[in-house]
């Protein structure tokens, strides 16, 4: 009797573990809804050159849902080299606003297509295209840039969800620098 009970418990344990392992994460545009922060780093080869320059991005985005996931938010960009034909010079810190859409499939892969309106430039830069992998269990989106109109992009992003609600995001206003006394 005891052997039979142990056998039944073992079989049930194996079945339940197998059923749990068989459950698959399914993503949808609703998986993306919320407020996210991101950082990116890597390299870019500006158009017309063959020299890679380091780039870094930091920002926050709000993702809401319409026909597609709607992405918007502020960011800061700095490049270690100039981008010919633009006012982007080495070491210049640029503020921008990102606007675009993101698609995600049931297997949690997707694509982000957006434009960047850089402060001081008359026209937005774009489209820029990123491949994405959504990791719902960690509240993360991993992204890799695959197209930029200004360069050959070689950078990756990590976005982390900070809220399940899509709230407007903006940088605090920097106070004017004060002259030393």
N, C-alpha and C. Protein backbone atom coordinates (compact mmCIF):
# COMPACT_ATOMS: atom_id res chain seq x y z
N UNK A 1 0.82 -1.19 0.00
CA UNK A 1 0.00 0.00 0.00
C UNK A 1 0.86 1.26 0.00
N UNK A 2 1.90 1.23 0.84
CA UNK A 2 2.79 2.40 0.91
C UNK A 2 3.51 2.61 -0.43
N UNK A 3 3.96 1.54 -1.06
CA UNK A 3 4.65 1.63 -2.35
C UNK A 3 3.71 2.21 -3.40
N UNK A 4 2.45 1.79 -3.37
CA UNK A 4 1.46 2.27 -4.33
C UNK A 4 1.23 3.78 -4.14
N UNK A 5 1.12 4.23 -2.91
CA UNK A 5 0.92 5.65 -2.62
C UNK A 5 2.11 6.47 -3.11
N UNK A 6 3.33 5.99 -2.83
CA UNK A 6 4.53 6.69 -3.29
C UNK A 6 4.60 6.74 -4.81
N UNK A 7 4.19 5.68 -5.47
CA UNK A 7 4.19 5.64 -6.92
C UNK A 7 3.20 6.66 -7.49
N UNK A 8 2.02 6.73 -6.91
CA UNK A 8 1.00 7.67 -7.37
C UNK A 8 1.49 9.11 -7.17
N UNK A 9 2.09 9.38 -6.02
CA UNK A 9 2.61 10.73 -5.74
C UNK A 9 3.71 11.07 -6.74
N UNK A 10 4.60 10.14 -7.04
CA UNK A 10 5.69 10.38 -7.99
C UNK A 10 5.13 10.66 -9.39
N UNK A 11 4.17 9.87 -9.83
CA UNK A 11 3.58 10.06 -11.16
C UNK A 11 2.87 11.42 -11.24
N UNK A 12 2.11 11.76 -10.20
CA UNK A 12 1.43 13.06 -10.20
C UNK A 12 2.42 14.22 -10.21
N UNK A 13 3.50 14.09 -9.46
CA UNK A 13 4.53 15.14 -9.43
C UNK A 13 5.13 15.33 -10.82
N UNK A 14 5.46 14.25 -11.48
CA UNK A 14 6.04 14.32 -12.83
C UNK A 14 5.04 14.96 -13.80
N UNK A 15 3.77 14.57 -13.72
CA UNK A 15 2.76 15.13 -14.62
C UNK A 15 2.57 16.62 -14.37
N UNK A 16 2.48 17.01 -13.11
CA UNK A 16 2.27 18.43 -12.80
C UNK A 16 3.47 19.27 -13.22
N UNK A 17 4.69 18.75 -13.01
CA UNK A 17 5.88 19.50 -13.43
C UNK A 17 5.92 19.62 -14.95
N UNK A 18 5.57 18.57 -15.65
CA UNK A 18 5.55 18.61 -17.11
C UNK A 18 4.52 19.59 -17.62
N UNK A 19 3.35 19.64 -16.97
CA UNK A 19 2.31 20.57 -17.39
C UNK A 19 2.75 22.01 -17.15
N UNK A 20 3.41 22.25 -16.03
CA UNK A 20 3.89 23.61 -15.75
C UNK A 20 4.96 24.03 -16.76
N UNK A 21 5.84 23.10 -17.11
CA UNK A 21 6.89 23.42 -18.07
C UNK A 21 6.31 23.64 -19.47
N UNK A 22 5.18 22.99 -19.77
CA UNK A 22 4.58 23.12 -21.10
C UNK A 22 3.88 24.46 -21.29
N UNK A 23 3.56 25.17 -20.18
CA UNK A 23 2.92 26.47 -20.32
C UNK A 23 3.89 27.43 -21.00
N UNK A 24 3.38 28.16 -21.96
CA UNK A 24 4.21 29.04 -22.75
C UNK A 24 3.79 30.48 -22.53
N UNK A 25 4.77 31.38 -22.46
CA UNK A 25 4.46 32.79 -22.34
C UNK A 25 3.90 33.27 -23.67
N UNK A 26 2.79 33.96 -23.62
CA UNK A 26 2.19 34.53 -24.82
C UNK A 26 2.14 36.04 -24.65
N UNK A 27 2.64 36.75 -25.65
CA UNK A 27 2.64 38.21 -25.60
C UNK A 27 1.58 38.77 -26.54
N UNK A 28 1.18 39.99 -26.27
CA UNK A 28 0.26 40.74 -27.12
C UNK A 28 0.60 42.22 -26.94
N UNK A 29 0.03 43.10 -27.74
CA UNK A 29 0.30 44.53 -27.53
C UNK A 29 -0.02 44.99 -26.10
N UNK A 30 -1.00 44.36 -25.45
CA UNK A 30 -1.34 44.72 -24.08
C UNK A 30 -0.19 44.40 -23.12
N UNK A 31 0.68 43.45 -23.48
CA UNK A 31 1.85 43.10 -22.66
C UNK A 31 2.77 44.31 -22.51
N UNK A 32 2.76 45.22 -23.49
CA UNK A 32 3.68 46.35 -23.53
C UNK A 32 3.19 47.56 -22.74
N UNK A 33 1.91 47.61 -22.43
CA UNK A 33 1.33 48.81 -21.81
C UNK A 33 2.03 49.12 -20.50
N UNK A 34 2.40 50.41 -20.34
CA UNK A 34 3.02 50.84 -19.09
C UNK A 34 4.02 51.95 -19.32
N UNK A 35 4.77 52.24 -18.28
CA UNK A 35 5.82 53.24 -18.34
C UNK A 35 7.15 52.50 -18.17
N UNK A 36 8.08 52.80 -19.04
CA UNK A 36 9.36 52.09 -19.10
C UNK A 36 10.51 53.09 -19.07
N UNK A 37 11.64 52.67 -18.53
CA UNK A 37 12.88 53.43 -18.64
C UNK A 37 13.85 52.57 -19.45
N UNK A 38 14.74 53.22 -20.19
CA UNK A 38 15.66 52.45 -21.02
C UNK A 38 17.03 53.08 -21.03
N UNK A 39 18.01 52.26 -21.29
CA UNK A 39 19.36 52.75 -21.58
C UNK A 39 19.89 51.95 -22.75
N UNK A 40 20.71 52.60 -23.54
CA UNK A 40 21.30 51.96 -24.71
C UNK A 40 22.74 52.40 -24.82
N UNK A 41 23.55 51.52 -25.30
CA UNK A 41 24.92 51.91 -25.60
C UNK A 41 25.41 51.03 -26.73
N UNK A 42 26.42 51.52 -27.39
CA UNK A 42 26.98 50.79 -28.51
C UNK A 42 27.76 51.73 -29.40
N UNK A 43 27.66 51.47 -30.69
CA UNK A 43 28.44 52.22 -31.68
C UNK A 43 27.54 52.58 -32.84
N UNK A 44 27.93 53.60 -33.57
CA UNK A 44 27.27 53.97 -34.81
C UNK A 44 28.35 54.33 -35.81
N UNK A 45 28.15 53.96 -37.05
CA UNK A 45 29.04 54.37 -38.12
C UNK A 45 28.28 55.42 -38.92
N UNK A 46 28.58 56.73 -38.68
CA UNK A 46 27.83 57.79 -39.37
C UNK A 46 27.92 57.64 -40.88
N UNK A 47 26.82 57.96 -41.56
CA UNK A 47 26.80 57.91 -43.03
C UNK A 47 27.95 58.73 -43.59
N UNK A 48 28.59 58.22 -44.63
CA UNK A 48 29.68 58.92 -45.27
C UNK A 48 31.03 58.70 -44.61
N UNK A 49 31.05 57.87 -43.55
CA UNK A 49 32.32 57.59 -42.88
C UNK A 49 32.48 56.07 -42.73
N UNK A 50 33.64 55.67 -42.30
CA UNK A 50 33.86 54.25 -42.01
C UNK A 50 34.35 54.06 -40.58
N UNK A 51 34.24 55.13 -39.79
CA UNK A 51 34.72 55.08 -38.41
C UNK A 51 33.55 54.99 -37.44
N UNK A 52 33.58 53.98 -36.59
CA UNK A 52 32.54 53.82 -35.57
C UNK A 52 32.77 54.80 -34.43
N UNK A 53 31.68 55.40 -33.95
CA UNK A 53 31.75 56.29 -32.80
C UNK A 53 30.85 55.72 -31.69
N UNK A 54 31.28 55.85 -30.43
CA UNK A 54 30.43 55.35 -29.34
C UNK A 54 29.19 56.23 -29.17
N UNK A 55 28.08 55.60 -28.81
CA UNK A 55 26.83 56.33 -28.55
C UNK A 55 26.19 55.80 -27.27
N UNK A 56 25.48 56.67 -26.59
CA UNK A 56 24.77 56.31 -25.37
C UNK A 56 23.43 57.03 -25.37
N UNK A 57 22.39 56.32 -24.95
CA UNK A 57 21.04 56.88 -24.85
C UNK A 57 20.49 56.57 -23.46
N UNK A 58 19.65 57.43 -22.95
CA UNK A 58 18.93 57.21 -21.70
C UNK A 58 17.58 57.87 -21.85
N UNK A 59 16.51 57.19 -21.46
CA UNK A 59 15.21 57.80 -21.63
C UNK A 59 14.11 57.08 -20.88
N UNK A 60 12.92 57.61 -21.03
CA UNK A 60 11.72 57.03 -20.45
C UNK A 60 10.64 57.08 -21.52
N UNK A 61 9.83 56.04 -21.57
CA UNK A 61 8.75 56.01 -22.56
C UNK A 61 7.46 55.54 -21.90
N UNK A 62 6.39 56.01 -22.46
CA UNK A 62 5.07 55.57 -22.07
C UNK A 62 4.50 54.79 -23.25
N UNK A 63 4.01 53.59 -22.99
CA UNK A 63 3.42 52.78 -24.05
C UNK A 63 1.94 52.59 -23.74
N UNK A 64 1.09 53.11 -24.63
CA UNK A 64 -0.35 52.92 -24.51
C UNK A 64 -0.79 52.07 -25.69
N UNK A 65 -2.08 51.81 -25.78
CA UNK A 65 -2.53 50.91 -26.83
C UNK A 65 -3.64 51.53 -27.65
N UNK A 66 -3.44 51.49 -28.97
CA UNK A 66 -4.47 51.86 -29.92
C UNK A 66 -4.57 50.68 -30.86
N UNK A 67 -4.50 50.91 -32.17
CA UNK A 67 -4.43 49.81 -33.13
C UNK A 67 -3.11 49.06 -32.96
N UNK A 68 -2.07 49.81 -32.56
CA UNK A 68 -0.75 49.25 -32.23
C UNK A 68 -0.34 49.88 -30.91
N UNK A 69 0.70 49.37 -30.31
CA UNK A 69 1.22 50.00 -29.10
C UNK A 69 1.82 51.36 -29.50
N UNK A 70 1.42 52.41 -28.81
CA UNK A 70 1.88 53.77 -29.09
C UNK A 70 2.99 54.11 -28.10
N UNK A 71 4.14 54.53 -28.61
CA UNK A 71 5.32 54.78 -27.79
C UNK A 71 5.67 56.26 -27.85
N UNK A 72 5.92 56.89 -26.68
CA UNK A 72 6.36 58.28 -26.67
C UNK A 72 7.12 58.56 -25.38
N UNK A 73 8.03 59.53 -25.45
CA UNK A 73 8.75 59.93 -24.26
C UNK A 73 10.05 60.64 -24.56
N UNK A 74 10.65 61.24 -23.52
CA UNK A 74 11.88 62.01 -23.68
C UNK A 74 13.13 61.12 -23.58
N UNK A 75 14.23 61.63 -24.11
CA UNK A 75 15.49 60.92 -24.01
C UNK A 75 16.66 61.87 -24.12
N UNK A 76 17.83 61.35 -23.80
CA UNK A 76 19.08 62.10 -23.92
C UNK A 76 20.05 61.22 -24.68
N UNK A 77 20.81 61.84 -25.59
CA UNK A 77 21.73 61.12 -26.48
C UNK A 77 23.07 61.83 -26.46
N UNK A 78 24.14 61.07 -26.47
CA UNK A 78 25.48 61.64 -26.61
C UNK A 78 26.29 60.72 -27.50
N UNK A 79 27.06 61.31 -28.41
CA UNK A 79 27.90 60.53 -29.32
C UNK A 79 29.35 60.92 -29.13
N UNK A 80 30.22 59.95 -29.28
CA UNK A 80 31.65 60.19 -29.16
C UNK A 80 32.27 60.72 -30.43
N UNK A 81 31.47 61.00 -31.45
CA UNK A 81 31.98 61.52 -32.72
C UNK A 81 30.90 62.31 -33.42
N UNK A 82 31.29 63.09 -34.41
CA UNK A 82 30.35 63.90 -35.17
C UNK A 82 29.59 63.06 -36.19
N UNK A 83 28.41 63.52 -36.57
CA UNK A 83 27.62 62.91 -37.63
C UNK A 83 27.61 63.91 -38.78
N UNK A 84 28.39 63.67 -39.85
CA UNK A 84 28.48 64.62 -40.96
C UNK A 84 27.11 65.00 -41.52
N UNK A 85 26.96 66.27 -41.86
CA UNK A 85 25.71 66.74 -42.43
C UNK A 85 24.65 67.06 -41.40
N UNK A 86 24.99 66.93 -40.11
CA UNK A 86 24.05 67.26 -39.03
C UNK A 86 24.78 68.16 -38.03
N UNK A 87 24.01 68.78 -37.13
CA UNK A 87 24.68 69.57 -36.09
C UNK A 87 25.18 68.70 -34.92
N UNK A 88 25.13 67.37 -35.08
CA UNK A 88 25.57 66.48 -34.00
C UNK A 88 27.09 66.42 -34.01
N UNK A 89 27.69 67.02 -33.00
CA UNK A 89 29.15 67.04 -32.85
C UNK A 89 29.57 66.11 -31.72
N UNK A 90 30.81 65.69 -31.74
CA UNK A 90 31.34 64.79 -30.72
C UNK A 90 31.13 65.39 -29.33
N UNK A 91 30.59 64.59 -28.44
CA UNK A 91 30.44 65.00 -27.05
C UNK A 91 29.26 65.90 -26.76
N UNK A 92 28.47 66.25 -27.78
CA UNK A 92 27.31 67.10 -27.57
C UNK A 92 26.18 66.29 -26.94
N UNK A 93 25.61 66.80 -25.86
CA UNK A 93 24.46 66.15 -25.23
C UNK A 93 23.21 66.68 -25.91
N UNK A 94 22.41 65.78 -26.45
CA UNK A 94 21.21 66.16 -27.20
C UNK A 94 19.97 65.62 -26.48
N UNK A 95 18.99 66.48 -26.33
CA UNK A 95 17.70 66.07 -25.79
C UNK A 95 16.77 65.77 -26.96
N UNK A 96 15.94 64.75 -26.83
CA UNK A 96 15.02 64.40 -27.90
C UNK A 96 13.72 63.87 -27.34
N UNK A 97 12.72 63.83 -28.21
CA UNK A 97 11.44 63.19 -27.90
C UNK A 97 11.25 62.07 -28.91
N UNK A 98 10.89 60.93 -28.41
CA UNK A 98 10.70 59.74 -29.23
C UNK A 98 9.20 59.53 -29.43
N UNK A 99 8.77 59.26 -30.66
CA UNK A 99 7.37 58.94 -30.96
C UNK A 99 7.33 57.82 -31.97
N UNK A 100 6.51 56.81 -31.71
CA UNK A 100 6.42 55.71 -32.67
C UNK A 100 5.41 54.66 -32.26
N UNK A 101 5.55 53.50 -32.89
CA UNK A 101 4.68 52.37 -32.59
C UNK A 101 5.53 51.13 -32.37
N UNK A 102 4.96 50.19 -31.64
CA UNK A 102 5.65 48.93 -31.40
C UNK A 102 4.68 47.79 -31.62
N UNK A 103 5.15 46.79 -32.33
CA UNK A 103 4.37 45.58 -32.55
C UNK A 103 5.04 44.44 -31.81
N UNK A 104 4.25 43.52 -31.29
CA UNK A 104 4.79 42.33 -30.65
C UNK A 104 3.92 41.15 -31.06
N UNK A 105 4.56 40.02 -31.32
CA UNK A 105 3.83 38.81 -31.71
C UNK A 105 3.64 37.91 -30.49
N UNK A 106 2.85 36.86 -30.65
CA UNK A 106 2.56 35.96 -29.55
C UNK A 106 3.82 35.32 -28.97
N UNK A 107 4.89 35.16 -29.80
CA UNK A 107 6.13 34.57 -29.29
C UNK A 107 7.04 35.59 -28.61
N UNK A 108 6.51 36.80 -28.37
CA UNK A 108 7.21 37.87 -27.64
C UNK A 108 8.35 38.52 -28.41
N UNK A 109 8.39 38.36 -29.73
CA UNK A 109 9.33 39.11 -30.54
C UNK A 109 8.56 40.26 -31.18
N UNK A 110 9.27 41.33 -31.51
CA UNK A 110 8.56 42.46 -32.06
C UNK A 110 9.47 43.46 -32.73
N UNK A 111 8.88 44.62 -33.04
CA UNK A 111 9.61 45.67 -33.72
C UNK A 111 9.10 47.02 -33.23
N UNK A 112 10.06 47.93 -32.99
CA UNK A 112 9.76 49.30 -32.63
C UNK A 112 10.18 50.18 -33.80
N UNK A 113 9.26 51.01 -34.29
CA UNK A 113 9.55 51.95 -35.37
C UNK A 113 9.20 53.33 -34.83
N UNK A 114 10.18 54.25 -34.89
CA UNK A 114 9.96 55.55 -34.27
C UNK A 114 10.75 56.66 -34.97
N UNK A 115 10.42 57.89 -34.59
CA UNK A 115 11.20 59.06 -35.00
C UNK A 115 11.70 59.74 -33.72
N UNK A 116 12.79 60.48 -33.89
CA UNK A 116 13.35 61.27 -32.79
C UNK A 116 13.31 62.73 -33.19
N UNK A 117 12.65 63.55 -32.38
CA UNK A 117 12.69 64.99 -32.60
C UNK A 117 13.76 65.54 -31.67
N UNK A 118 14.92 65.83 -32.24
CA UNK A 118 16.04 66.34 -31.45
C UNK A 118 15.85 67.84 -31.25
N UNK A 119 15.99 68.29 -30.00
CA UNK A 119 15.85 69.71 -29.69
C UNK A 119 16.81 70.52 -30.57
N UNK A 120 16.29 71.54 -31.21
CA UNK A 120 17.11 72.40 -32.06
C UNK A 120 17.13 72.00 -33.52
N UNK A 121 16.66 70.82 -33.87
CA UNK A 121 16.60 70.42 -35.28
C UNK A 121 15.19 70.70 -35.81
N UNK A 122 15.07 71.18 -37.06
CA UNK A 122 13.75 71.53 -37.58
C UNK A 122 12.87 70.31 -37.90
N UNK A 123 13.48 69.19 -38.27
CA UNK A 123 12.72 68.02 -38.68
C UNK A 123 13.08 66.82 -37.80
N UNK A 124 12.12 65.92 -37.60
CA UNK A 124 12.46 64.72 -36.84
C UNK A 124 13.40 63.81 -37.63
N UNK A 125 14.18 63.00 -36.92
CA UNK A 125 15.04 62.00 -37.53
C UNK A 125 14.27 60.69 -37.53
N UNK A 126 14.24 60.03 -38.66
CA UNK A 126 13.54 58.74 -38.68
C UNK A 126 13.14 58.36 -40.07
N UNK A 127 12.61 57.18 -40.19
CA UNK A 127 12.33 56.27 -39.08
C UNK A 127 13.59 55.55 -38.60
N UNK A 128 13.59 55.18 -37.33
CA UNK A 128 14.57 54.28 -36.76
C UNK A 128 13.84 52.99 -36.45
N UNK A 129 14.52 51.87 -36.62
CA UNK A 129 13.86 50.57 -36.43
C UNK A 129 14.69 49.73 -35.48
N UNK A 130 13.99 49.13 -34.51
CA UNK A 130 14.63 48.25 -33.51
C UNK A 130 13.91 46.91 -33.50
N UNK A 131 14.68 45.84 -33.44
CA UNK A 131 14.11 44.51 -33.18
C UNK A 131 13.95 44.39 -31.67
N UNK A 132 12.95 43.65 -31.23
CA UNK A 132 12.66 43.56 -29.80
C UNK A 132 12.34 42.14 -29.36
N UNK A 133 12.69 41.85 -28.13
CA UNK A 133 12.27 40.63 -27.45
C UNK A 133 11.70 41.06 -26.11
N UNK A 134 10.44 40.73 -25.87
CA UNK A 134 9.77 41.09 -24.62
C UNK A 134 9.92 39.92 -23.65
N UNK A 135 10.31 40.25 -22.41
CA UNK A 135 10.47 39.24 -21.37
C UNK A 135 9.49 39.60 -20.24
N UNK A 136 8.21 39.18 -20.38
CA UNK A 136 7.20 39.61 -19.41
C UNK A 136 7.52 39.22 -17.97
N UNK A 137 8.12 38.05 -17.76
CA UNK A 137 8.41 37.60 -16.40
C UNK A 137 9.41 38.51 -15.68
N UNK A 138 10.21 39.24 -16.43
CA UNK A 138 11.19 40.15 -15.83
C UNK A 138 10.80 41.62 -16.00
N UNK A 139 9.70 41.89 -16.70
CA UNK A 139 9.31 43.27 -16.96
C UNK A 139 10.35 43.99 -17.79
N UNK A 140 10.87 43.30 -18.82
CA UNK A 140 11.93 43.86 -19.65
C UNK A 140 11.59 43.76 -21.13
N UNK A 141 12.18 44.67 -21.88
CA UNK A 141 12.19 44.58 -23.34
C UNK A 141 13.66 44.73 -23.74
N UNK A 142 14.16 43.79 -24.51
CA UNK A 142 15.52 43.85 -25.04
C UNK A 142 15.41 44.28 -26.50
N UNK A 143 16.20 45.27 -26.90
CA UNK A 143 16.09 45.81 -28.25
C UNK A 143 17.46 45.92 -28.90
N UNK A 144 17.48 45.80 -30.22
CA UNK A 144 18.69 45.99 -31.00
C UNK A 144 18.34 46.83 -32.22
N UNK A 145 19.09 47.90 -32.41
CA UNK A 145 18.83 48.79 -33.53
C UNK A 145 19.23 48.10 -34.84
N UNK A 146 18.35 48.19 -35.84
CA UNK A 146 18.66 47.58 -37.14
C UNK A 146 18.62 48.58 -38.29
N UNK A 147 18.09 49.81 -38.03
CA UNK A 147 18.09 50.82 -39.09
C UNK A 147 18.06 52.22 -38.49
N UNK A 148 18.92 53.08 -39.01
CA UNK A 148 18.95 54.51 -38.67
C UNK A 148 19.25 55.27 -39.95
N UNK A 149 18.54 56.38 -40.22
CA UNK A 149 18.84 57.14 -41.44
C UNK A 149 20.17 57.91 -41.35
N UNK A 150 20.76 58.03 -40.17
CA UNK A 150 22.00 58.77 -39.99
C UNK A 150 23.25 57.91 -39.95
N UNK A 151 23.07 56.59 -39.73
CA UNK A 151 24.26 55.76 -39.51
C UNK A 151 23.93 54.29 -39.68
N UNK A 152 24.99 53.49 -39.62
CA UNK A 152 24.82 52.05 -39.45
C UNK A 152 24.79 51.84 -37.93
N UNK A 153 23.63 51.47 -37.38
CA UNK A 153 23.53 51.38 -35.93
C UNK A 153 24.11 50.07 -35.40
N UNK A 154 24.80 50.17 -34.29
CA UNK A 154 25.39 49.00 -33.63
C UNK A 154 25.15 49.11 -32.14
N UNK A 155 23.91 49.39 -31.73
CA UNK A 155 23.65 49.55 -30.30
C UNK A 155 22.50 48.67 -29.85
N UNK A 156 22.48 48.37 -28.55
CA UNK A 156 21.41 47.57 -27.95
C UNK A 156 20.80 48.35 -26.79
N UNK A 157 19.55 48.03 -26.50
CA UNK A 157 18.79 48.68 -25.43
C UNK A 157 18.32 47.63 -24.44
N UNK A 158 18.09 48.07 -23.23
CA UNK A 158 17.30 47.33 -22.26
C UNK A 158 16.29 48.30 -21.68
N UNK A 159 15.02 47.94 -21.75
CA UNK A 159 13.96 48.74 -21.15
C UNK A 159 13.38 47.97 -19.98
N UNK A 160 13.12 48.67 -18.89
CA UNK A 160 12.53 48.04 -17.70
C UNK A 160 11.23 48.77 -17.37
N UNK A 161 10.21 47.98 -17.08
CA UNK A 161 8.91 48.56 -16.72
C UNK A 161 9.00 49.14 -15.31
N UNK A 162 8.57 50.40 -15.16
CA UNK A 162 8.53 50.99 -13.82
C UNK A 162 7.10 51.19 -13.34
N UNK A 163 6.12 51.02 -14.25
CA UNK A 163 4.72 51.11 -13.88
C UNK A 163 3.88 50.38 -14.92
N UNK A 164 2.82 49.69 -14.50
CA UNK A 164 1.94 49.05 -15.48
C UNK A 164 1.00 50.06 -16.15
N UNK A 165 1.03 51.31 -15.69
CA UNK A 165 0.17 52.34 -16.26
C UNK A 165 0.96 53.21 -17.22
N UNK A 166 0.38 53.52 -18.38
CA UNK A 166 1.05 54.42 -19.33
C UNK A 166 0.88 55.87 -18.90
N UNK A 167 1.86 56.40 -18.19
CA UNK A 167 1.77 57.77 -17.71
C UNK A 167 2.69 58.67 -18.53
N UNK A 168 2.30 59.94 -18.74
CA UNK A 168 3.18 60.86 -19.47
C UNK A 168 4.51 61.01 -18.72
N UNK A 169 5.60 61.05 -19.47
CA UNK A 169 6.92 61.19 -18.87
C UNK A 169 7.63 62.40 -19.46
N UNK A 170 8.42 63.08 -18.62
CA UNK A 170 9.19 64.24 -19.07
C UNK A 170 10.35 64.43 -18.11
N UNK A 171 11.45 64.96 -18.63
CA UNK A 171 12.59 65.29 -17.78
C UNK A 171 12.22 66.48 -16.90
N UNK A 172 12.77 66.55 -15.68
CA UNK A 172 12.59 67.78 -14.89
C UNK A 172 13.32 68.93 -15.59
N UNK A 173 12.83 70.13 -15.40
CA UNK A 173 13.47 71.30 -16.00
C UNK A 173 14.72 71.62 -15.20
N UNK A 174 15.84 71.76 -15.91
CA UNK A 174 17.10 72.11 -15.23
C UNK A 174 17.08 73.60 -14.90
N UNK A 175 17.44 73.94 -13.67
CA UNK A 175 17.52 75.37 -13.35
C UNK A 175 18.69 76.00 -14.08
N UNK A 176 18.60 77.29 -14.33
CA UNK A 176 19.70 78.00 -14.99
C UNK A 176 20.92 77.95 -14.08
N UNK A 177 22.11 77.73 -14.66
CA UNK A 177 23.31 77.71 -13.82
C UNK A 177 23.54 79.05 -13.15
N UNK A 178 23.98 79.00 -11.91
CA UNK A 178 24.23 80.22 -11.13
C UNK A 178 25.73 80.54 -11.20
N UNK A 179 26.05 81.82 -11.35
CA UNK A 179 27.45 82.27 -11.33
C UNK A 179 28.00 82.08 -9.93
N UNK A 180 29.26 81.64 -9.81
CA UNK A 180 29.85 81.49 -8.47
C UNK A 180 30.00 82.86 -7.80
N UNK A 181 29.83 82.86 -6.49
CA UNK A 181 29.95 84.13 -5.72
C UNK A 181 31.39 84.47 -5.47
